Amino acid sequence: MVGVGALYIYMVVATGEALWQNYRVNSDIAKLRAEIIELQDKGVQLRNLIAYRGTESFKEREARRKLGYKKPGEQVLAIPQPYSPDVESGQAKETTEEETRAKLNNFQKWIDYIFG
């Protein structure tokens, strides 16, 4: 009788472990399938980008932008931008707390240090 009970408990524990292992494997498979789909989408995007960058319109646009090329008979108009040290390449530069503190004089730094 005790042997049958022990055998029953062993079978329940073994079945539970097998179910848990099956669950973990299935969840890993689901994660890997999602990753495969994500990588396939990224691959399609990269192939499209490569195809686009191979077109003549892209090459012409980049030559105009980077090298200053122009078509025959075309006039290029350059509009000077006012100089602003806080603006680099068309984007506003955010000042960090360290840069702000670096601009303060020593007395102001001590006041900030003492009074928080």
PDB file of N, CA and C in Angstrom:
ATOM      1  N   MET A   1       0.808  -1.184   0.000  1.00  0.00           N
ATOM      2  CA  MET A   1       0.000   0.000   0.000  1.00  0.00           C
ATOM      3  C   MET A   1       0.860   1.261   0.000  1.00  0.00           C
ATOM      4  N   VAL A   2       1.914   1.249   0.825  1.00  0.00           N
ATOM      5  CA  VAL A   2       2.818   2.392   0.889  1.00  0.00           C
ATOM      6  C   VAL A   2       3.561   2.534  -0.435  1.00  0.00           C
ATOM      7  N   GLY A   3       3.916   1.427  -1.041  1.00  0.00           N
ATOM      8  CA  GLY A   3       4.621   1.443  -2.326  1.00  0.00           C
ATOM      9  C   GLY A   3       3.760   2.043  -3.422  1.00  0.00           C
ATOM     10  N   VAL A   4       2.463   1.748  -3.397  1.00  0.00           N
ATOM     11  CA  VAL A   4       1.543   2.293  -4.398  1.00  0.00           C
ATOM     12  C   VAL A   4       1.393   3.797  -4.202  1.00  0.00           C
ATOM     13  N   GLY A   5       1.322   4.241  -2.967  1.00  0.00           N
ATOM     14  CA  GLY A   5       1.223   5.686  -2.665  1.00  0.00           C
ATOM     15  C   GLY A   5       2.471   6.417  -3.106  1.00  0.00           C
ATOM     16  N   ALA A   6       3.641   5.819  -2.828  1.00  0.00           N
ATOM     17  CA  ALA A   6       4.898   6.446  -3.236  1.00  0.00           C
ATOM     18  C   ALA A   6       4.994   6.517  -4.756  1.00  0.00           C
ATOM     19  N   LEU A   7       4.560   5.441  -5.434  1.00  0.00           N
ATOM     20  CA  LEU A   7       4.565   5.418  -6.895  1.00  0.00           C
ATOM     21  C   LEU A   7       3.621   6.485  -7.447  1.00  0.00           C
ATOM     22  N   TYR A   8       2.476   6.662  -6.820  1.00  0.00           N
ATOM     23  CA  TYR A   8       1.518   7.675  -7.253  1.00  0.00           C
ATOM     24  C   TYR A   8       2.098   9.081  -7.087  1.00  0.00           C
ATOM     25  N   ILE A   9       2.711   9.352  -5.947  1.00  0.00           N
ATOM     26  CA  ILE A   9       3.331  10.661  -5.699  1.00  0.00           C
ATOM     27  C   ILE A   9       4.453  10.912  -6.702  1.00  0.00           C
ATOM     28  N   TYR A  10       5.265   9.880  -6.969  1.00  0.00           N
ATOM     29  CA  TYR A  10       6.351  10.014  -7.944  1.00  0.00           C
ATOM     30  C   TYR A  10       5.801  10.358  -9.332  1.00  0.00           C
ATOM     31  N   MET A  11       4.710   9.706  -9.721  1.00  0.00           N
ATOM     32  CA  MET A  11       4.110   9.959 -11.032  1.00  0.00           C
ATOM     33  C   MET A  11       3.542  11.376 -11.118  1.00  0.00           C
ATOM     34  N   VAL A  12       2.936  11.869 -10.039  1.00  0.00           N
ATOM     35  CA  VAL A  12       2.388  13.228 -10.022  1.00  0.00           C
ATOM     36  C   VAL A  12       3.515  14.255 -10.120  1.00  0.00           C
ATOM     37  N   VAL A  13       4.588  14.046  -9.356  1.00  0.00           N
ATOM     38  CA  VAL A  13       5.722  14.978  -9.383  1.00  0.00           C
ATOM     39  C   VAL A  13       6.387  14.954 -10.759  1.00  0.00           C
ATOM     40  N   ALA A  14       6.595  13.774 -11.335  1.00  0.00           N
ATOM     41  CA  ALA A  14       7.220  13.660 -12.650  1.00  0.00           C
ATOM     42  C   ALA A  14       6.354  14.322 -13.719  1.00  0.00           C
ATOM     43  N   THR A  15       5.052  14.141 -13.629  1.00  0.00           N
ATOM     44  CA  THR A  15       4.147  14.775 -14.580  1.00  0.00           C
ATOM     45  C   THR A  15       4.180  16.293 -14.436  1.00  0.00           C
ATOM     46  N   GLY A  16       4.212  16.778 -13.210  1.00  0.00           N
ATOM     47  CA  GLY A  16       4.293  18.229 -12.960  1.00  0.00           C
ATOM     48  C   GLY A  16       5.575  18.819 -13.529  1.00  0.00           C
ATOM     49  N   GLU A  17       6.701  18.129 -13.303  1.00  0.00           N
ATOM     50  CA  GLU A  17       7.974  18.614 -13.844  1.00  0.00           C
ATOM     51  C   GLU A  17       7.950  18.625 -15.371  1.00  0.00           C
ATOM     52  N   ALA A  18       7.375  17.595 -15.973  1.00  0.00           N
ATOM     53  CA  ALA A  18       7.299  17.531 -17.435  1.00  0.00           C
ATOM     54  C   ALA A  18       6.412  18.653 -17.976  1.00  0.00           C
ATOM     55  N   LEU A  19       5.304  18.924 -17.287  1.00  0.00           N
ATOM     56  CA  LEU A  19       4.437  20.021 -17.718  1.00  0.00           C
ATOM     57  C   LEU A  19       5.134  21.367 -17.592  1.00  0.00           C
ATOM     58  N   TRP A  20       5.857  21.567 -16.512  1.00  0.00           N
ATOM     59  CA  TRP A  20       6.584  22.830 -16.317  1.00  0.00           C
ATOM     60  C   TRP A  20       7.658  23.006 -17.388  1.00  0.00           C
ATOM     61  N   GLN A  21       8.395  21.953 -17.673  1.00  0.00           N
ATOM     62  CA  GLN A  21       9.423  22.019 -18.701  1.00  0.00           C
ATOM     63  C   GLN A  21       8.781  22.286 -20.070  1.00  0.00           C
ATOM     64  N   ASN A  22       7.663  21.648 -20.352  1.00  0.00           N
ATOM     65  CA  ASN A  22       6.940  21.871 -21.605  1.00  0.00           C
ATOM     66  C   ASN A  22       6.496  23.332 -21.715  1.00  0.00           C
ATOM     67  N   TYR A  23       6.000  23.905 -20.611  1.00  0.00           N
ATOM     68  CA  TYR A  23       5.575  25.304 -20.598  1.00  0.00           C
ATOM     69  C   TYR A  23       6.750  26.233 -20.899  1.00  0.00           C
ATOM     70  N   ARG A  24       7.898  25.981 -20.249  1.00  0.00           N
ATOM     71  CA  ARG A  24       9.085  26.824 -20.474  1.00  0.00           C
ATOM     72  C   ARG A  24       9.555  26.732 -21.914  1.00  0.00           C
ATOM     73  N   VAL A  25       9.581  25.547 -22.467  1.00  0.00           N
ATOM     74  CA  VAL A  25      10.016  25.375 -23.855  1.00  0.00           C
ATOM     75  C   VAL A  25       9.061  26.096 -24.799  1.00  0.00           C
ATOM     76  N   ASN A  26       7.756  25.960 -24.563  1.00  0.00           N
ATOM     77  CA  ASN A  26       6.776  26.633 -25.418  1.00  0.00           C
ATOM     78  C   ASN A  26       6.889  28.152 -25.319  1.00  0.00           C
ATOM     79  N   SER A  27       7.152  28.680 -24.129  1.00  0.00           N
ATOM     80  CA  SER A  27       7.303  30.131 -23.997  1.00  0.00           C
ATOM     81  C   SER A  27       8.583  30.602 -24.692  1.00  0.00           C
ATOM     82  N   ASP A  28       9.661  29.807 -24.604  1.00  0.00           N
ATOM     83  CA  ASP A  28      10.891  30.149 -25.326  1.00  0.00           C
ATOM     84  C   ASP A  28      10.654  30.131 -26.836  1.00  0.00           C
ATOM     85  N   ILE A  29       9.908  29.159 -27.307  1.00  0.00           N
ATOM     86  CA  ILE A  29       9.592  29.066 -28.738  1.00  0.00           C
ATOM     87  C   ILE A  29       8.796  30.288 -29.172  1.00  0.00           C
ATOM     88  N   ALA A  30       7.833  30.712 -28.367  1.00  0.00           N
ATOM     89  CA  ALA A  30       7.020  31.882 -28.707  1.00  0.00           C
ATOM     90  C   ALA A  30       7.882  33.137 -28.779  1.00  0.00           C
ATOM     91  N   LYS A  31       8.812  33.292 -27.826  1.00  0.00           N
ATOM     92  CA  LYS A  31       9.713  34.451 -27.839  1.00  0.00           C
ATOM     93  C   LYS A  31      10.589  34.431 -29.075  1.00  0.00           C
ATOM     94  N   LEU A  32      11.120  33.269 -29.416  1.00  0.00           N
ATOM     95  CA  LEU A  32      11.989  33.168 -30.585  1.00  0.00           C
ATOM     96  C   LEU A  32      11.220  33.432 -31.881  1.00  0.00           C
ATOM     97  N   ARG A  33       9.978  32.972 -31.953  1.00  0.00           N
ATOM     98  CA  ARG A  33       9.169  33.248 -33.146  1.00  0.00           C
ATOM     99  C   ARG A  33       8.901  34.744 -33.283  1.00  0.00           C
ATOM    100  N   ALA A  34       8.623  35.410 -32.167  1.00  0.00           N
ATOM    101  CA  ALA A  34       8.409  36.858 -32.210  1.00  0.00           C
ATOM    102  C   ALA A  34       9.683  37.570 -32.653  1.00  0.00           C
ATOM    103  N   GLU A  35      10.829  37.107 -32.157  1.00  0.00           N
ATOM    104  CA  GLU A  35      12.113  37.694 -32.552  1.00  0.00           C
ATOM    105  C   GLU A  35      12.386  37.462 -34.036  1.00  0.00           C
ATOM    106  N   ILE A  36      12.034  36.286 -34.547  1.00  0.00           N
ATOM    107  CA  ILE A  36      12.213  35.988 -35.966  1.00  0.00           C
ATOM    108  C   ILE A  36      11.377  36.939 -36.814  1.00  0.00           C
ATOM    109  N   ILE A  37      10.127  37.153 -36.417  1.00  0.00           N
ATOM    110  CA  ILE A  37       9.253  38.066 -37.159  1.00  0.00           C
ATOM    111  C   ILE A  37       9.815  39.483 -37.138  1.00  0.00           C
ATOM    112  N   GLU A  38      10.299  39.908 -35.971  1.00  0.00           N
ATOM    113  CA  GLU A  38      10.882  41.244 -35.844  1.00  0.00           C
ATOM    114  C   GLU A  38      12.109  41.392 -36.733  1.00  0.00           C
ATOM    115  N   LEU A  39      12.973  40.373 -36.736  1.00  0.00           N
ATOM    116  CA  LEU A  39      14.179  40.427 -37.571  1.00  0.00           C
ATOM    117  C   LEU A  39      13.838  40.378 -39.056  1.00  0.00           C
ATOM    118  N   GLN A  40      12.802  39.621 -39.420  1.00  0.00           N
ATOM    119  CA  GLN A  40      12.382  39.592 -40.818  1.00  0.00           C
ATOM    120  C   GLN A  40      11.863  40.959 -41.252  1.00  0.00           C
ATOM    121  N   ASP A  41      11.088  41.618 -40.385  1.00  0.00           N
ATOM    122  CA  ASP A  41      10.592  42.963 -40.700  1.00  0.00           C
ATOM    123  C   ASP A  41      11.753  43.945 -40.855  1.00  0.00           C
ATOM    124  N   LYS A  42      12.724  43.834 -39.966  1.00  0.00           N
ATOM    125  CA  LYS A  42      13.889  44.715 -40.047  1.00  0.00           C
ATOM    126  C   LYS A  42      14.672  44.441 -41.328  1.00  0.00           C
ATOM    127  N   GLY A  43      14.769  43.173 -41.718  1.00  0.00           N
ATOM    128  CA  GLY A  43      15.451  42.819 -42.957  1.00  0.00           C
ATOM    129  C   GLY A  43      14.745  43.399 -44.170  1.00  0.00           C
ATOM    130  N   VAL A  44      13.414  43.366 -44.168  1.00  0.00           N
ATOM    131  CA  VAL A  44      12.650  43.954 -45.272  1.00  0.00           C
ATOM    132  C   VAL A  44      12.891  45.459 -45.327  1.00  0.00           C
ATOM    133  N   GLN A  45      12.884  46.115 -44.163  1.00  0.00           N
ATOM    134  CA  GLN A  45      13.132  47.552 -44.122  1.00  0.00           C
ATOM    135  C   GLN A  45      14.529  47.876 -44.650  1.00  0.00           C
ATOM    136  N   LEU A  46      15.521  47.083 -44.251  1.00  0.00           N
ATOM    137  CA  LEU A  46      16.888  47.334 -44.717  1.00  0.00           C
ATOM    138  C   LEU A  46      17.020  47.093 -46.218  1.00  0.00           C
ATOM    139  N   ARG A  47      16.360  46.055 -46.733  1.00  0.00           N
ATOM    140  CA  ARG A  47      16.394  45.812 -48.181  1.00  0.00           C
ATOM    141  C   ARG A  47      15.747  46.962 -48.935  1.00  0.00           C
ATOM    142  N   ASN A  48      14.633  47.476 -48.400  1.00  0.00           N
ATOM    143  CA  ASN A  48      13.982  48.626 -49.030  1.00  0.00           C
ATOM    144  C   ASN A  48      14.878  49.858 -48.990  1.00  0.00           C
ATOM    145  N   LEU A  49      15.565  50.067 -47.876  1.00  0.00           N
ATOM    146  CA  LEU A  49      16.470  51.200 -47.762  1.00  0.00           C
ATOM    147  C   LEU A  49      17.628  51.078 -48.743  1.00  0.00           C
ATOM    148  N   ILE A  50      18.175  49.865 -48.872  1.00  0.00           N
ATOM    149  CA  ILE A  50      19.261  49.639 -49.830  1.00  0.00           C
ATOM    150  C   ILE A  50      18.774  49.900 -51.251  1.00  0.00           C
ATOM    151  N   ALA A  51      17.577  49.432 -51.576  1.00  0.00           N
ATOM    152  CA  ALA A  51      17.022  49.656 -52.907  1.00  0.00           C
ATOM    153  C   ALA A  51      16.803  51.142 -53.158  1.00  0.00           C
ATOM    154  N   TYR A  52      16.301  51.866 -52.148  1.00  0.00           N
ATOM    155  CA  TYR A  52      16.075  53.297 -52.301  1.00  0.00           C
ATOM    156  C   TYR A  52      17.386  54.040 -52.496  1.00  0.00           C
ATOM    157  N   ARG A  53      18.390  53.679 -51.723  1.00  0.00           N
ATOM    158  CA  ARG A  53      19.674  54.373 -51.837  1.00  0.00           C
ATOM    159  C   ARG A  53      20.396  54.064 -53.139  1.00  0.00           C
ATOM    160  N   GLY A  54      19.947  53.065 -53.847  1.00  0.00           N
ATOM    161  CA  GLY A  54      20.528  52.753 -55.145  1.00  0.00           C
ATOM    162  C   GLY A  54      19.883  53.512 -56.289  1.00  0.00           C
ATOM    163  N   THR A  55      18.794  54.228 -56.011  1.00  0.00           N
ATOM    164  CA  THR A  55      18.092  54.945 -57.073  1.00  0.00           C
ATOM    165  C   THR A  55      18.844  56.218 -57.451  1.00  0.00           C
ATOM    166  N   GLU A  56      18.594  56.664 -58.668  1.00  0.00           N
ATOM    167  CA  GLU A  56      19.245  57.884 -59.156  1.00  0.00           C
ATOM    168  C   GLU A  56      18.744  59.120 -58.420  1.00  0.00           C
ATOM    169  N   SER A  57      17.467  59.144 -58.054  1.00  0.00           N
ATOM    170  CA  SER A  57      16.935  60.319 -57.358  1.00  0.00           C
ATOM    171  C   SER A  57      17.612  60.502 -55.998  1.00  0.00           C
ATOM    172  N   PHE A  58      17.877  59.410 -55.299  1.00  0.00           N
ATOM    173  CA  PHE A  58      18.563  59.522 -54.007  1.00  0.00           C
ATOM    174  C   PHE A  58      19.994  60.014 -54.204  1.00  0.00           C
ATOM    175  N   LYS A  59      20.680  59.438 -55.196  1.00  0.00           N
ATOM    176  CA  LYS A  59      22.062  59.849 -55.451  1.00  0.00           C
ATOM    177  C   LYS A  59      22.135  61.327 -55.813  1.00  0.00           C
ATOM    178  N   GLU A  60      21.189  61.784 -56.630  1.00  0.00           N
ATOM    179  CA  GLU A  60      21.186  63.192 -57.019  1.00  0.00           C
ATOM    180  C   GLU A  60      20.909  64.091 -55.820  1.00  0.00           C
ATOM    181  N   ARG A  61      19.931  63.698 -55.006  1.00  0.00           N
ATOM    182  CA  ARG A  61      19.593  64.504 -53.840  1.00  0.00           C
ATOM    183  C   ARG A  61      20.768  64.584 -52.859  1.00  0.00           C
ATOM    184  N   GLU A  62      21.444  63.459 -52.642  1.00  0.00           N
ATOM    185  CA  GLU A  62      22.591  63.460 -51.724  1.00  0.00           C
ATOM    186  C   GLU A  62      23.758  64.260 -52.298  1.00  0.00           C
ATOM    187  N   ALA A  63      23.967  64.176 -53.613  1.00  0.00           N
ATOM    188  CA  ALA A  63      25.033  64.962 -54.231  1.00  0.00           C
ATOM    189  C   ALA A  63      24.741  66.450 -54.092  1.00  0.00           C
ATOM    190  N   ARG A  64      23.493  66.811 -54.238  1.00  0.00           N
ATOM    191  CA  ARG A  64      23.130  68.223 -54.062  1.00  0.00           C
ATOM    192  C   ARG A  64      23.324  68.651 -52.615  1.00  0.00           C
ATOM    193  N   ARG A  65      22.871  67.815 -51.693  1.00  0.00           N
ATOM    194  CA  ARG A  65      22.922  68.181 -50.272  1.00  0.00           C
ATOM    195  C   ARG A  65      24.335  68.194 -49.739  1.00  0.00           C
ATOM    196  N   LYS A  66      25.097  67.147 -50.014  1.00  0.00           N
ATOM    197  CA  LYS A  66      26.427  67.017 -49.410  1.00  0.00           C
ATOM    198  C   LYS A  66      27.517  67.717 -50.202  1.00  0.00           C
ATOM    199  N   LEU A  67      27.416  67.694 -51.514  1.00  0.00           N
ATOM    200  CA  LEU A  67      28.501  68.207 -52.340  1.00  0.00           C
ATOM    201  C   LEU A  67      28.195  69.542 -52.989  1.00  0.00           C
ATOM    202  N   GLY A  68      26.962  70.006 -52.857  1.00  0.00           N
ATOM    203  CA  GLY A  68      26.597  71.298 -53.417  1.00  0.00           C
ATOM    204  C   GLY A  68      26.432  71.276 -54.928  1.00  0.00           C
ATOM    205  N   TYR A  69      26.158  70.126 -55.513  1.00  0.00           N
ATOM    206  CA  TYR A  69      25.983  70.026 -56.966  1.00  0.00           C
ATOM    207  C   TYR A  69      24.697  70.715 -57.378  1.00  0.00           C
ATOM    208  N   LYS A  70      24.659  71.143 -58.642  1.00  0.00           N
ATOM    209  CA  LYS A  70      23.461  71.746 -59.198  1.00  0.00           C
ATOM    210  C   LYS A  70      23.336  71.317 -60.639  1.00  0.00           C
ATOM    211  N   LYS A  71      22.117  71.398 -61.154  1.00  0.00           N
ATOM    212  CA  LYS A  71      21.861  71.048 -62.547  1.00  0.00           C
ATOM    213  C   LYS A  71      22.308  72.201 -63.438  1.00  0.00           C
ATOM    214  N   PRO A  72      22.604  71.920 -64.698  1.00  0.00           N
ATOM    215  CA  PRO A  72      22.961  73.017 -65.616  1.00  0.00           C
ATOM    216  C   PRO A  72      21.794  73.996 -65.747  1.00  0.00           C
ATOM    217  N   GLY A  73      22.101  75.288 -65.637  1.00  0.00           N
ATOM    218  CA  GLY A  73      21.086  76.325 -65.742  1.00  0.00           C
ATOM    219  C   GLY A  73      20.376  76.603 -64.433  1.00  0.00           C
ATOM    220  N   GLU A  74      20.655  75.830 -63.401  1.00  0.00           N
ATOM    221  CA  GLU A  74      20.005  76.015 -62.115  1.00  0.00           C
ATOM    222  C   GLU A  74      20.806  77.006 -61.282  1.00  0.00           C
ATOM    223  N   GLN A  75      20.116  77.883 -60.557  1.00  0.00           N
ATOM    224  CA  GLN A  75      20.792  78.837 -59.683  1.00  0.00           C
ATOM    225  C   GLN A  75      20.568  78.420 -58.229  1.00  0.00           C
ATOM    226  N   VAL A  76      21.640  78.430 -57.479  1.00  0.00           N
ATOM    227  CA  VAL A  76      21.567  78.045 -56.074  1.00  0.00           C
ATOM    228  C   VAL A  76      21.554  79.306 -55.234  1.00  0.00           C
ATOM    229  N   LEU A  77      20.650  79.360 -54.282  1.00  0.00           N
ATOM    230  CA  LEU A  77      20.531  80.501 -53.396  1.00  0.00           C
ATOM    231  C   LEU A  77      20.948  80.067 -51.998  1.00  0.00           C
ATOM    232  N   ALA A  78      21.953  80.728 -51.446  1.00  0.00           N
ATOM    233  CA  ALA A  78      22.415  80.421 -50.089  1.00  0.00           C
ATOM    234  C   ALA A  78      21.962  81.530 -49.160  1.00  0.00           C
ATOM    235  N   ILE A  79      21.212  81.167 -48.148  1.00  0.00           N
ATOM    236  CA  ILE A  79      20.721  82.137 -47.178  1.00  0.00           C
ATOM    237  C   ILE A  79      21.536  81.974 -45.908  1.00  0.00           C
ATOM    238  N   PRO A  80      22.299  83.008 -45.516  1.00  0.00           N
ATOM    239  CA  PRO A  80      23.119  82.877 -44.302  1.00  0.00           C
ATOM    240  C   PRO A  80      22.247  82.855 -43.058  1.00  0.00           C
ATOM    241  N   GLN A  81      22.643  82.024 -42.125  1.00  0.00           N
ATOM    242  CA  GLN A  81      21.931  81.906 -40.858  1.00  0.00           C
ATOM    243  C   GLN A  81      22.652  82.744 -39.809  1.00  0.00           C
ATOM    244  N   PRO A  82      21.917  83.439 -38.954  1.00  0.00           N
ATOM    245  CA  PRO A  82      22.592  84.164 -37.866  1.00  0.00           C
ATOM    246  C   PRO A  82      23.267  83.169 -36.930  1.00  0.00           C
ATOM    247  N   TYR A  83      24.451  83.523 -36.452  1.00  0.00           N
ATOM    248  CA  TYR A  83      25.207  82.627 -35.584  1.00  0.00           C
ATOM    249  C   TYR A  83      24.562  82.572 -34.215  1.00  0.00           C
ATOM    250  N   SER A  84      24.390  81.366 -33.715  1.00  0.00           N
ATOM    251  CA  SER A  84      23.883  81.152 -32.370  1.00  0.00           C
ATOM    252  C   SER A  84      24.677  80.010 -31.759  1.00  0.00           C
ATOM    253  N   PRO A  85      25.415  80.249 -30.678  1.00  0.00           N
ATOM    254  CA  PRO A  85      26.242  79.171 -30.106  1.00  0.00           C
ATOM    255  C   PRO A  85      25.429  78.028 -29.523  1.00  0.00           C
ATOM    256  N   ASP A  86      24.141  78.260 -29.197  1.00  0.00           N
ATOM    257  CA  ASP A  86      23.317  77.201 -28.629  1.00  0.00           C
ATOM    258  C   ASP A  86      22.643  76.345 -29.690  1.00  0.00           C
ATOM    259  N   VAL A  87      22.815  76.712 -30.961  1.00  0.00           N
ATOM    260  CA  VAL A  87      22.165  75.977 -32.034  1.00  0.00           C
ATOM    261  C   VAL A  87      23.232  75.362 -32.922  1.00  0.00           C
ATOM    262  N   GLU A  88      23.185  74.049 -33.036  1.00  0.00           N
ATOM    263  CA  GLU A  88      24.120  73.333 -33.884  1.00  0.00           C
ATOM    264  C   GLU A  88      23.338  72.527 -34.903  1.00  0.00           C
ATOM    265  N   SER A  89      23.621  72.719 -36.139  1.00  0.00           N
ATOM    266  CA  SER A  89      23.035  71.982 -37.262  1.00  0.00           C
ATOM    267  C   SER A  89      21.505  71.939 -37.203  1.00  0.00           C
ATOM    268  N   GLY A  90      20.896  73.080 -36.902  1.00  0.00           N
ATOM    269  CA  GLY A  90      19.449  73.173 -36.958  1.00  0.00           C
ATOM    270  C   GLY A  90      18.710  72.630 -35.750  1.00  0.00           C
ATOM    271  N   GLN A  91      19.408  72.205 -34.728  1.00  0.00           N
ATOM    272  CA  GLN A  91      18.742  71.663 -33.552  1.00  0.00           C
ATOM    273  C   GLN A  91      19.146  72.477 -32.334  1.00  0.00           C
ATOM    274  N   ALA A  92      18.177  72.760 -31.497  1.00  0.00           N
ATOM    275  CA  ALA A  92      18.464  73.499 -30.280  1.00  0.00           C
ATOM    276  C   ALA A  92      19.253  72.614 -29.326  1.00  0.00           C
ATOM    277  N   LYS A  93      20.267  73.185 -28.733  1.00  0.00           N
ATOM    278  CA  LYS A  93      21.103  72.432 -27.798  1.00  0.00           C
ATOM    279  C   LYS A  93      20.543  72.594 -26.391  1.00  0.00           C
ATOM    280  N   GLU A  94      20.349  71.489 -25.727  1.00  0.00           N
ATOM    281  CA  GLU A  94      19.847  71.538 -24.367  1.00  0.00           C
ATOM    282  C   GLU A  94      21.020  71.737 -23.413  1.00  0.00           C
ATOM    283  N   THR A  95      20.832  72.643 -22.461  1.00  0.00           N
ATOM    284  CA  THR A  95      21.883  72.862 -21.479  1.00  0.00           C
ATOM    285  C   THR A  95      21.684  71.903 -20.324  1.00  0.00           C
ATOM    286  N   THR A  96      22.754  71.235 -19.970  1.00  0.00           N
ATOM    287  CA  THR A  96      22.675  70.305 -18.857  1.00  0.00           C
ATOM    288  C   THR A  96      22.912  71.054 -17.557  1.00  0.00           C
ATOM    289  N   GLU A  97      22.640  70.385 -16.469  1.00  0.00           N
ATOM    290  CA  GLU A  97      22.824  70.997 -15.155  1.00  0.00           C
ATOM    291  C   GLU A  97      24.300  71.311 -14.913  1.00  0.00           C
ATOM    292  N   GLU A  98      25.185  70.451 -15.402  1.00  0.00           N
ATOM    293  CA  GLU A  98      26.619  70.678 -15.216  1.00  0.00           C
ATOM    294  C   GLU A  98      27.080  71.913 -15.970  1.00  0.00           C
ATOM    295  N   GLU A  99      26.569  72.123 -17.188  1.00  0.00           N
ATOM    296  CA  GLU A  99      26.946  73.304 -17.954  1.00  0.00           C
ATOM    297  C   GLU A  99      26.432  74.570 -17.282  1.00  0.00           C
ATOM    298  N   THR A 100      25.248  74.482 -16.693  1.00  0.00           N
ATOM    299  CA  THR A 100      24.692  75.635 -15.998  1.00  0.00           C
ATOM    300  C   THR A 100      25.539  75.965 -14.776  1.00  0.00           C
ATOM    301  N   ARG A 101      25.947  74.938 -14.037  1.00  0.00           N
ATOM    302  CA  ARG A 101      26.786  75.160 -12.858  1.00  0.00           C
ATOM    303  C   ARG A 101      28.165  75.684 -13.236  1.00  0.00           C
ATOM    304  N   ALA A 102      28.672  75.276 -14.379  1.00  0.00           N
ATOM    305  CA  ALA A 102      29.989  75.737 -14.808  1.00  0.00           C
ATOM    306  C   ALA A 102      29.971  77.232 -15.097  1.00  0.00           C
ATOM    307  N   LYS A 103      28.807  77.778 -15.460  1.00  0.00           N
ATOM    308  CA  LYS A 103      28.695  79.204 -15.767  1.00  0.00           C
ATOM    309  C   LYS A 103      28.562  80.057 -14.501  1.00  0.00           C
ATOM    310  N   LEU A 104      28.219  79.442 -13.373  1.00  0.00           N
ATOM    311  CA  LEU A 104      28.053  80.185 -12.131  1.00  0.00           C
ATOM    312  C   LEU A 104      29.417  80.547 -11.540  1.00  0.00           C
ATOM    313  N   ASN A 105      29.458  81.675 -10.834  1.00  0.00           N
ATOM    314  CA  ASN A 105      30.712  82.018 -10.171  1.00  0.00           C
ATOM    315  C   ASN A 105      30.833  81.218  -8.872  1.00  0.00           C
ATOM    316  N   ASN A 106      31.976  81.304  -8.216  1.00  0.00           N
ATOM    317  CA  ASN A 106      32.278  80.487  -7.048  1.00  0.00           C
ATOM    318  C   ASN A 106      31.303  80.749  -5.903  1.00  0.00           C
ATOM    319  N   PHE A 107      30.953  82.005  -5.662  1.00  0.00           N
ATOM    320  CA  PHE A 107      30.032  82.347  -4.581  1.00  0.00           C
ATOM    321  C   PHE A 107      28.668  81.699  -4.804  1.00  0.00           C
ATOM    322  N   GLN A 108      28.167  81.759  -6.033  1.00  0.00           N
ATOM    323  CA  GLN A 108      26.874  81.152  -6.336  1.00  0.00           C
ATOM    324  C   GLN A 108      26.928  79.637  -6.186  1.00  0.00           C
ATOM    325  N   LYS A 109      28.064  79.036  -6.524  1.00  0.00           N
ATOM    326  CA  LYS A 109      28.212  77.585  -6.365  1.00  0.00           C
ATOM    327  C   LYS A 109      28.153  77.206  -4.886  1.00  0.00           C
ATOM    328  N   TRP A 110      28.805  78.017  -4.013  1.00  0.00           N
ATOM    329  CA  TRP A 110      28.770  77.735  -2.583  1.00  0.00           C
ATOM    330  C   TRP A 110      27.345  77.903  -2.025  1.00  0.00           C
ATOM    331  N   ILE A 111      26.643  78.909  -2.474  1.00  0.00           N
ATOM    332  CA  ILE A 111      25.250  79.117  -2.025  1.00  0.00           C
ATOM    333  C   ILE A 111      24.407  77.922  -2.408  1.00  0.00           C
ATOM    334  N   ASP A 112      24.567  77.437  -3.664  1.00  0.00           N
ATOM    335  CA  ASP A 112      23.809  76.267  -4.111  1.00  0.00           C
ATOM    336  C   ASP A 112      24.193  75.026  -3.303  1.00  0.00           C
ATOM    337  N   TYR A 113      25.472  74.883  -2.985  1.00  0.00           N
ATOM    338  CA  TYR A 113      25.938  73.719  -2.242  1.00  0.00           C
ATOM    339  C   TYR A 113      25.365  73.728  -0.812  1.00  0.00           C
ATOM    340  N   ILE A 114      25.368  74.888  -0.173  1.00  0.00           N
ATOM    341  CA  ILE A 114      24.933  74.985   1.229  1.00  0.00           C
ATOM    342  C   ILE A 114      23.413  74.887   1.338  1.00  0.00           C
ATOM    343  N   PHE A 115      22.691  75.604   0.496  1.00  0.00           N
ATOM    344  CA  PHE A 115      21.236  75.677   0.624  1.00  0.00           C
ATOM    345  C   PHE A 115      20.506  74.701  -0.306  1.00  0.00           C
ATOM    346  N   GLY A 116      21.256  73.958  -1.069  1.00  0.00           N
ATOM    347  CA  GLY A 116      20.672  72.877  -1.834  1.00  0.00           C
ATOM    348  C   GLY A 116      20.018  73.292  -3.076  1.00  0.00           C
TER     349      GLY A 116
END
